[in-house]
Amino acid sequence: MNLNQTTETFGSDDQSWLGSEHGTQATETIVLDTSTFTPATHYPDGFFKSGIPLGMITSGGKYGPYAAGASDGRETLVGFLYAAVGAPTVNTVDPAGALFTHGKVREARLPVAVDAAGKTDLAGAIRFV
């Protein structure tokens, strides 16, 4: 058992993609499937960036990056990573995060673009501005 105090820091969280405070008080706790993310795209600085579009993997219920061409459930956009999450050093560790599913999103400020199909998936829940 390690009782030493540890400190973890990562870059400031850029939540400028949030269009309003609406919906931020009702995020859902989720688990990210690290093996489905691309380090250079999704966590180049050692943390998963807030605003990453996410889909739920049907087997296991974990979440990975939305990908229209996927066939594991991630082809349906279900929300966005609400706050930055430290990335593990190995892709077999899956950290917890918060899922933003309702509110306004500034599309141009997302760290990863969302296509038309993804916007349709969230119609009525997310308003893109």
N, C-alpha and C. Protein backbone atom coordinates (compact mmCIF):
# COMPACT_ATOMS: atom_id res chain seq x y z
N MET A 1 0.84 -1.16 0.00
CA MET A 1 0.00 0.00 0.00
C MET A 1 0.90 1.24 0.00
N ASN A 2 0.62 2.16 -0.90
CA ASN A 2 1.39 3.39 -1.02
C ASN A 2 0.62 4.53 -0.36
N LEU A 3 1.17 5.08 0.72
CA LEU A 3 0.51 6.17 1.43
C LEU A 3 1.18 7.51 1.16
N ASN A 4 2.10 7.53 0.20
CA ASN A 4 2.76 8.78 -0.14
C ASN A 4 1.81 9.70 -0.88
N GLN A 5 1.94 10.98 -0.61
CA GLN A 5 1.12 11.96 -1.31
C GLN A 5 1.64 12.11 -2.73
N THR A 6 0.73 12.12 -3.68
CA THR A 6 1.12 12.32 -5.08
C THR A 6 0.36 13.51 -5.63
N THR A 7 0.97 14.16 -6.58
CA THR A 7 0.35 15.30 -7.24
C THR A 7 0.31 15.03 -8.72
N GLU A 8 -0.84 15.27 -9.33
CA GLU A 8 -0.99 15.08 -10.76
C GLU A 8 -1.44 16.40 -11.35
N THR A 9 -0.74 16.86 -12.37
CA THR A 9 -1.15 18.09 -13.04
C THR A 9 -1.18 17.85 -14.54
N PHE A 10 -2.12 18.49 -15.19
CA PHE A 10 -2.15 18.50 -16.63
C PHE A 10 -2.66 19.85 -17.08
N GLY A 11 -2.44 20.15 -18.34
CA GLY A 11 -2.76 21.47 -18.87
C GLY A 11 -4.13 21.97 -18.46
N SER A 12 -4.29 23.26 -18.56
CA SER A 12 -5.57 23.83 -18.19
C SER A 12 -6.66 23.27 -19.11
N ASP A 13 -7.80 23.05 -18.52
CA ASP A 13 -8.92 22.46 -19.25
C ASP A 13 -9.61 23.55 -20.07
N ASP A 14 -9.66 23.38 -21.38
CA ASP A 14 -10.29 24.35 -22.26
C ASP A 14 -11.73 23.93 -22.51
N GLN A 15 -12.65 24.56 -21.79
CA GLN A 15 -14.07 24.25 -21.96
C GLN A 15 -14.77 25.34 -22.76
N SER A 16 -14.02 26.03 -23.62
CA SER A 16 -14.63 27.08 -24.43
C SER A 16 -15.63 26.52 -25.44
N TRP A 17 -15.67 25.21 -25.61
CA TRP A 17 -16.63 24.57 -26.51
C TRP A 17 -18.05 24.56 -25.91
N LEU A 18 -18.15 24.77 -24.60
CA LEU A 18 -19.46 24.82 -23.97
C LEU A 18 -20.15 26.13 -24.35
N GLY A 19 -21.36 26.04 -24.84
CA GLY A 19 -22.09 27.22 -25.27
C GLY A 19 -22.84 27.93 -24.16
N SER A 20 -23.05 27.24 -23.04
CA SER A 20 -23.73 27.83 -21.89
C SER A 20 -23.52 26.90 -20.70
N GLU A 21 -24.01 27.34 -19.56
CA GLU A 21 -23.90 26.52 -18.36
C GLU A 21 -24.97 25.42 -18.34
N HIS A 22 -26.01 25.59 -19.14
CA HIS A 22 -27.12 24.65 -19.17
C HIS A 22 -26.62 23.22 -19.46
N GLY A 23 -26.98 22.28 -18.63
CA GLY A 23 -26.61 20.88 -18.81
C GLY A 23 -25.36 20.47 -18.07
N THR A 24 -24.57 21.44 -17.62
CA THR A 24 -23.32 21.08 -16.95
C THR A 24 -23.55 20.49 -15.56
N GLN A 25 -24.69 20.74 -14.98
CA GLN A 25 -24.99 20.21 -13.66
C GLN A 25 -25.58 18.81 -13.71
N ALA A 26 -25.76 18.27 -14.91
CA ALA A 26 -26.40 16.96 -15.06
C ALA A 26 -25.57 15.99 -15.89
N THR A 27 -24.25 16.02 -15.71
CA THR A 27 -23.40 15.08 -16.45
C THR A 27 -23.53 13.68 -15.86
N GLU A 28 -23.15 12.69 -16.65
CA GLU A 28 -23.21 11.29 -16.22
C GLU A 28 -21.80 10.76 -16.04
N THR A 29 -21.59 9.93 -15.03
CA THR A 29 -20.29 9.29 -14.83
C THR A 29 -20.15 8.14 -15.81
N ILE A 30 -19.01 8.10 -16.49
CA ILE A 30 -18.76 7.06 -17.49
C ILE A 30 -17.33 6.52 -17.32
N VAL A 31 -17.02 5.44 -18.05
CA VAL A 31 -15.67 4.90 -18.09
C VAL A 31 -15.21 4.95 -19.54
N LEU A 32 -14.02 5.51 -19.75
CA LEU A 32 -13.44 5.61 -21.09
C LEU A 32 -12.65 4.35 -21.42
N ASP A 33 -12.80 3.82 -22.61
CA ASP A 33 -12.02 2.68 -23.07
C ASP A 33 -10.77 3.23 -23.76
N THR A 34 -9.68 3.32 -23.01
CA THR A 34 -8.45 3.95 -23.50
C THR A 34 -7.96 3.34 -24.80
N SER A 35 -8.15 2.04 -25.00
CA SER A 35 -7.63 1.37 -26.19
C SER A 35 -8.29 1.86 -27.48
N THR A 36 -9.42 2.55 -27.40
CA THR A 36 -10.11 3.03 -28.60
C THR A 36 -9.68 4.44 -29.01
N PHE A 37 -8.89 5.10 -28.19
CA PHE A 37 -8.45 6.46 -28.47
C PHE A 37 -7.08 6.46 -29.14
N THR A 38 -6.82 7.47 -29.95
CA THR A 38 -5.53 7.65 -30.61
C THR A 38 -4.74 8.69 -29.82
N PRO A 39 -3.58 8.31 -29.27
CA PRO A 39 -2.83 9.25 -28.43
C PRO A 39 -2.56 10.61 -29.09
N ALA A 40 -2.10 10.63 -30.32
CA ALA A 40 -1.74 11.90 -30.97
C ALA A 40 -2.96 12.78 -31.23
N THR A 41 -4.13 12.20 -31.34
CA THR A 41 -5.34 12.96 -31.62
C THR A 41 -6.11 13.32 -30.34
N HIS A 42 -6.29 12.34 -29.47
CA HIS A 42 -7.18 12.51 -28.33
C HIS A 42 -6.50 12.88 -27.01
N TYR A 43 -5.22 12.50 -26.85
CA TYR A 43 -4.53 12.88 -25.61
C TYR A 43 -3.05 13.12 -25.83
N PRO A 44 -2.72 14.06 -26.73
CA PRO A 44 -1.31 14.33 -27.04
C PRO A 44 -0.54 14.94 -25.87
N ASP A 45 -1.23 15.56 -24.93
CA ASP A 45 -0.57 16.23 -23.81
C ASP A 45 -0.69 15.45 -22.50
N GLY A 46 -1.10 14.18 -22.60
CA GLY A 46 -1.20 13.36 -21.41
C GLY A 46 -2.56 13.38 -20.74
N PHE A 47 -3.55 13.99 -21.39
CA PHE A 47 -4.90 13.99 -20.85
C PHE A 47 -5.90 13.99 -21.99
N PHE A 48 -7.05 13.34 -21.74
CA PHE A 48 -8.14 13.35 -22.70
C PHE A 48 -8.76 14.74 -22.64
N LYS A 49 -8.84 15.41 -23.76
CA LYS A 49 -9.35 16.78 -23.80
C LYS A 49 -10.86 16.84 -23.60
N SER A 50 -11.32 17.84 -22.86
CA SER A 50 -12.76 18.01 -22.73
C SER A 50 -13.32 18.40 -24.09
N GLY A 51 -14.53 17.95 -24.36
CA GLY A 51 -15.17 18.23 -25.64
C GLY A 51 -15.00 17.14 -26.67
N ILE A 52 -14.28 16.07 -26.35
CA ILE A 52 -14.15 14.96 -27.31
C ILE A 52 -15.51 14.32 -27.51
N PRO A 53 -15.98 14.19 -28.76
CA PRO A 53 -17.25 13.51 -29.02
C PRO A 53 -17.13 12.02 -28.68
N LEU A 54 -18.13 11.47 -28.00
CA LEU A 54 -18.06 10.09 -27.54
C LEU A 54 -19.24 9.25 -28.00
N GLY A 55 -18.97 7.97 -28.17
CA GLY A 55 -19.99 6.97 -28.45
C GLY A 55 -19.85 5.86 -27.43
N MET A 56 -20.94 5.16 -27.15
CA MET A 56 -20.89 4.07 -26.18
C MET A 56 -20.65 2.74 -26.89
N ILE A 57 -19.65 2.02 -26.43
CA ILE A 57 -19.33 0.71 -26.99
C ILE A 57 -20.38 -0.28 -26.47
N THR A 58 -21.07 -0.94 -27.38
CA THR A 58 -22.20 -1.78 -26.99
C THR A 58 -21.79 -2.97 -26.13
N SER A 59 -20.63 -3.55 -26.36
CA SER A 59 -20.20 -4.65 -25.50
C SER A 59 -19.36 -4.08 -24.37
N GLY A 60 -19.90 -4.07 -23.20
CA GLY A 60 -19.17 -3.59 -22.03
C GLY A 60 -19.63 -2.25 -21.50
N GLY A 61 -20.24 -1.42 -22.35
CA GLY A 61 -20.78 -0.15 -21.88
C GLY A 61 -19.78 0.95 -21.62
N LYS A 62 -18.53 0.78 -22.04
CA LYS A 62 -17.55 1.85 -21.89
C LYS A 62 -17.70 2.80 -23.08
N TYR A 63 -16.98 3.92 -23.02
CA TYR A 63 -17.10 4.95 -24.05
C TYR A 63 -15.78 5.16 -24.77
N GLY A 64 -15.91 5.44 -26.06
CA GLY A 64 -14.75 5.72 -26.89
C GLY A 64 -15.06 6.88 -27.80
N PRO A 65 -14.08 7.29 -28.60
CA PRO A 65 -14.30 8.43 -29.48
C PRO A 65 -15.35 8.11 -30.56
N TYR A 66 -16.26 9.04 -30.77
CA TYR A 66 -17.26 8.87 -31.83
C TYR A 66 -16.55 8.68 -33.17
N ALA A 67 -17.01 7.69 -33.94
CA ALA A 67 -16.45 7.42 -35.27
C ALA A 67 -17.58 6.92 -36.15
N ALA A 68 -17.97 7.73 -37.13
CA ALA A 68 -19.10 7.39 -37.99
C ALA A 68 -18.93 6.02 -38.66
N GLY A 69 -17.71 5.62 -38.95
CA GLY A 69 -17.47 4.35 -39.63
C GLY A 69 -17.29 3.16 -38.70
N ALA A 70 -17.42 3.35 -37.41
CA ALA A 70 -17.24 2.25 -36.46
C ALA A 70 -18.43 1.30 -36.53
N SER A 71 -18.27 0.12 -35.95
CA SER A 71 -19.38 -0.84 -35.91
C SER A 71 -19.51 -1.47 -34.53
N ASP A 72 -19.00 -0.78 -33.51
CA ASP A 72 -19.04 -1.30 -32.15
C ASP A 72 -19.93 -0.46 -31.22
N GLY A 73 -20.72 0.44 -31.80
CA GLY A 73 -21.57 1.33 -31.02
C GLY A 73 -21.08 2.77 -31.05
N ARG A 74 -19.79 2.98 -31.31
CA ARG A 74 -19.23 4.33 -31.34
C ARG A 74 -19.68 5.12 -32.57
N GLU A 75 -20.40 4.47 -33.49
CA GLU A 75 -20.90 5.16 -34.68
C GLU A 75 -22.10 6.05 -34.34
N THR A 76 -22.59 5.97 -33.12
CA THR A 76 -23.68 6.82 -32.66
C THR A 76 -23.12 7.79 -31.61
N LEU A 77 -23.20 9.07 -31.91
CA LEU A 77 -22.72 10.08 -30.98
C LEU A 77 -23.72 10.21 -29.83
N VAL A 78 -23.21 10.09 -28.58
CA VAL A 78 -24.11 10.16 -27.42
C VAL A 78 -23.81 11.37 -26.53
N GLY A 79 -22.68 12.03 -26.72
CA GLY A 79 -22.34 13.19 -25.91
C GLY A 79 -20.88 13.54 -26.02
N PHE A 80 -20.42 14.38 -25.09
CA PHE A 80 -19.06 14.91 -25.11
C PHE A 80 -18.40 14.73 -23.75
N LEU A 81 -17.10 14.51 -23.75
CA LEU A 81 -16.36 14.45 -22.51
C LEU A 81 -16.41 15.84 -21.87
N TYR A 82 -16.99 15.94 -20.68
CA TYR A 82 -17.23 17.24 -20.06
C TYR A 82 -15.95 17.92 -19.56
N ALA A 83 -15.08 17.18 -18.92
CA ALA A 83 -13.87 17.76 -18.35
C ALA A 83 -12.67 16.88 -18.71
N ALA A 84 -11.51 17.50 -18.76
CA ALA A 84 -10.28 16.75 -19.08
C ALA A 84 -10.06 15.63 -18.07
N VAL A 85 -9.51 14.54 -18.56
CA VAL A 85 -9.23 13.36 -17.72
C VAL A 85 -7.79 12.95 -17.99
N GLY A 86 -7.04 12.71 -16.95
CA GLY A 86 -5.66 12.25 -17.11
C GLY A 86 -5.62 10.93 -17.85
N ALA A 87 -4.74 10.83 -18.84
CA ALA A 87 -4.62 9.60 -19.62
C ALA A 87 -3.65 8.64 -18.93
N PRO A 88 -4.00 7.37 -18.86
CA PRO A 88 -3.07 6.40 -18.26
C PRO A 88 -1.86 6.19 -19.16
N THR A 89 -0.80 5.67 -18.58
CA THR A 89 0.42 5.43 -19.36
C THR A 89 0.33 4.15 -20.17
N VAL A 90 -0.63 3.29 -19.87
CA VAL A 90 -0.87 2.07 -20.64
C VAL A 90 -2.33 2.04 -21.08
N ASN A 91 -2.58 1.47 -22.26
CA ASN A 91 -3.95 1.53 -22.78
C ASN A 91 -4.86 0.43 -22.23
N THR A 92 -4.43 -0.25 -21.16
CA THR A 92 -5.29 -1.25 -20.53
C THR A 92 -5.95 -0.72 -19.27
N VAL A 93 -5.66 0.53 -18.92
CA VAL A 93 -6.29 1.18 -17.76
C VAL A 93 -7.35 2.13 -18.30
N ASP A 94 -8.54 2.03 -17.77
CA ASP A 94 -9.66 2.82 -18.26
C ASP A 94 -10.15 3.79 -17.19
N PRO A 95 -9.90 5.09 -17.37
CA PRO A 95 -10.28 6.08 -16.36
C PRO A 95 -11.77 6.45 -16.44
N ALA A 96 -12.27 7.01 -15.36
CA ALA A 96 -13.64 7.52 -15.31
C ALA A 96 -13.66 8.96 -15.82
N GLY A 97 -14.81 9.37 -16.31
CA GLY A 97 -14.99 10.73 -16.79
C GLY A 97 -16.44 11.14 -16.63
N ALA A 98 -16.77 12.31 -17.15
CA ALA A 98 -18.14 12.82 -17.09
C ALA A 98 -18.64 13.06 -18.51
N LEU A 99 -19.87 12.66 -18.79
CA LEU A 99 -20.47 12.78 -20.12
C LEU A 99 -21.48 13.92 -20.14
N PHE A 100 -21.26 14.87 -21.04
CA PHE A 100 -22.17 16.01 -21.25
C PHE A 100 -23.14 15.61 -22.34
N THR A 101 -24.45 15.58 -22.02
CA THR A 101 -25.44 15.05 -22.96
C THR A 101 -26.55 16.02 -23.33
N HIS A 102 -26.55 17.20 -22.72
CA HIS A 102 -27.66 18.12 -22.97
C HIS A 102 -27.19 19.55 -22.81
N GLY A 103 -27.40 20.36 -23.83
CA GLY A 103 -27.03 21.77 -23.74
C GLY A 103 -26.60 22.34 -25.08
N LYS A 104 -25.78 23.36 -25.00
CA LYS A 104 -25.33 24.07 -26.19
C LYS A 104 -23.82 23.86 -26.37
N VAL A 105 -23.40 23.60 -27.62
CA VAL A 105 -22.00 23.34 -27.93
C VAL A 105 -21.53 24.29 -29.02
N ARG A 106 -20.40 24.93 -28.80
CA ARG A 106 -19.77 25.77 -29.83
C ARG A 106 -18.93 24.85 -30.72
N GLU A 107 -19.51 24.52 -31.82
CA GLU A 107 -18.94 23.53 -32.73
C GLU A 107 -17.50 23.84 -33.14
N ALA A 108 -17.20 25.09 -33.45
CA ALA A 108 -15.88 25.47 -33.93
C ALA A 108 -14.79 25.29 -32.87
N ARG A 109 -15.18 25.16 -31.61
CA ARG A 109 -14.19 25.05 -30.52
C ARG A 109 -14.00 23.62 -30.02
N LEU A 110 -14.69 22.66 -30.63
CA LEU A 110 -14.50 21.27 -30.24
C LEU A 110 -13.10 20.79 -30.62
N PRO A 111 -12.46 19.94 -29.82
CA PRO A 111 -11.13 19.45 -30.17
C PRO A 111 -11.14 18.47 -31.34
N VAL A 112 -12.30 17.86 -31.61
CA VAL A 112 -12.47 16.93 -32.73
C VAL A 112 -13.80 17.28 -33.39
N ALA A 113 -13.80 17.41 -34.70
CA ALA A 113 -15.01 17.81 -35.43
C ALA A 113 -16.10 16.74 -35.36
N VAL A 114 -17.35 17.20 -35.47
CA VAL A 114 -18.51 16.31 -35.50
C VAL A 114 -19.15 16.42 -36.88
N ASP A 115 -19.44 15.28 -37.50
CA ASP A 115 -20.06 15.29 -38.82
C ASP A 115 -21.59 15.44 -38.72
N ALA A 116 -22.24 15.52 -39.87
CA ALA A 116 -23.69 15.71 -39.92
C ALA A 116 -24.45 14.56 -39.25
N ALA A 117 -23.97 13.34 -39.42
CA ALA A 117 -24.64 12.18 -38.80
C ALA A 117 -24.58 12.28 -37.28
N GLY A 118 -23.46 12.71 -36.75
CA GLY A 118 -23.32 12.88 -35.31
C GLY A 118 -24.26 13.94 -34.78
N LYS A 119 -24.38 15.03 -35.51
CA LYS A 119 -25.31 16.10 -35.10
C LYS A 119 -26.74 15.59 -35.09
N THR A 120 -27.09 14.77 -36.07
CA THR A 120 -28.43 14.18 -36.12
C THR A 120 -28.67 13.28 -34.91
N ASP A 121 -27.64 12.51 -34.50
CA ASP A 121 -27.76 11.63 -33.34
C ASP A 121 -28.16 12.41 -32.09
N LEU A 122 -27.69 13.66 -31.97
CA LEU A 122 -27.93 14.44 -30.77
C LEU A 122 -29.02 15.51 -30.93
N ALA A 123 -29.73 15.47 -32.04
CA ALA A 123 -30.78 16.45 -32.28
C ALA A 123 -31.78 16.43 -31.14
N GLY A 124 -32.11 17.60 -30.63
CA GLY A 124 -33.04 17.71 -29.53
C GLY A 124 -32.38 17.70 -28.16
N ALA A 125 -31.14 17.24 -28.10
CA ALA A 125 -30.42 17.21 -26.82
C ALA A 125 -29.28 18.23 -26.81
N ILE A 126 -28.58 18.33 -27.93
CA ILE A 126 -27.46 19.28 -28.06
C ILE A 126 -27.79 20.25 -29.16
N ARG A 127 -27.59 21.51 -28.88
CA ARG A 127 -27.75 22.53 -29.92
C ARG A 127 -26.38 23.04 -30.31
N PHE A 128 -26.03 22.87 -31.59
CA PHE A 128 -24.72 23.30 -32.08
C PHE A 128 -24.82 24.75 -32.55
N VAL A 129 -23.91 25.58 -32.08
CA VAL A 129 -23.88 26.99 -32.48
C VAL A 129 -22.51 27.33 -33.04
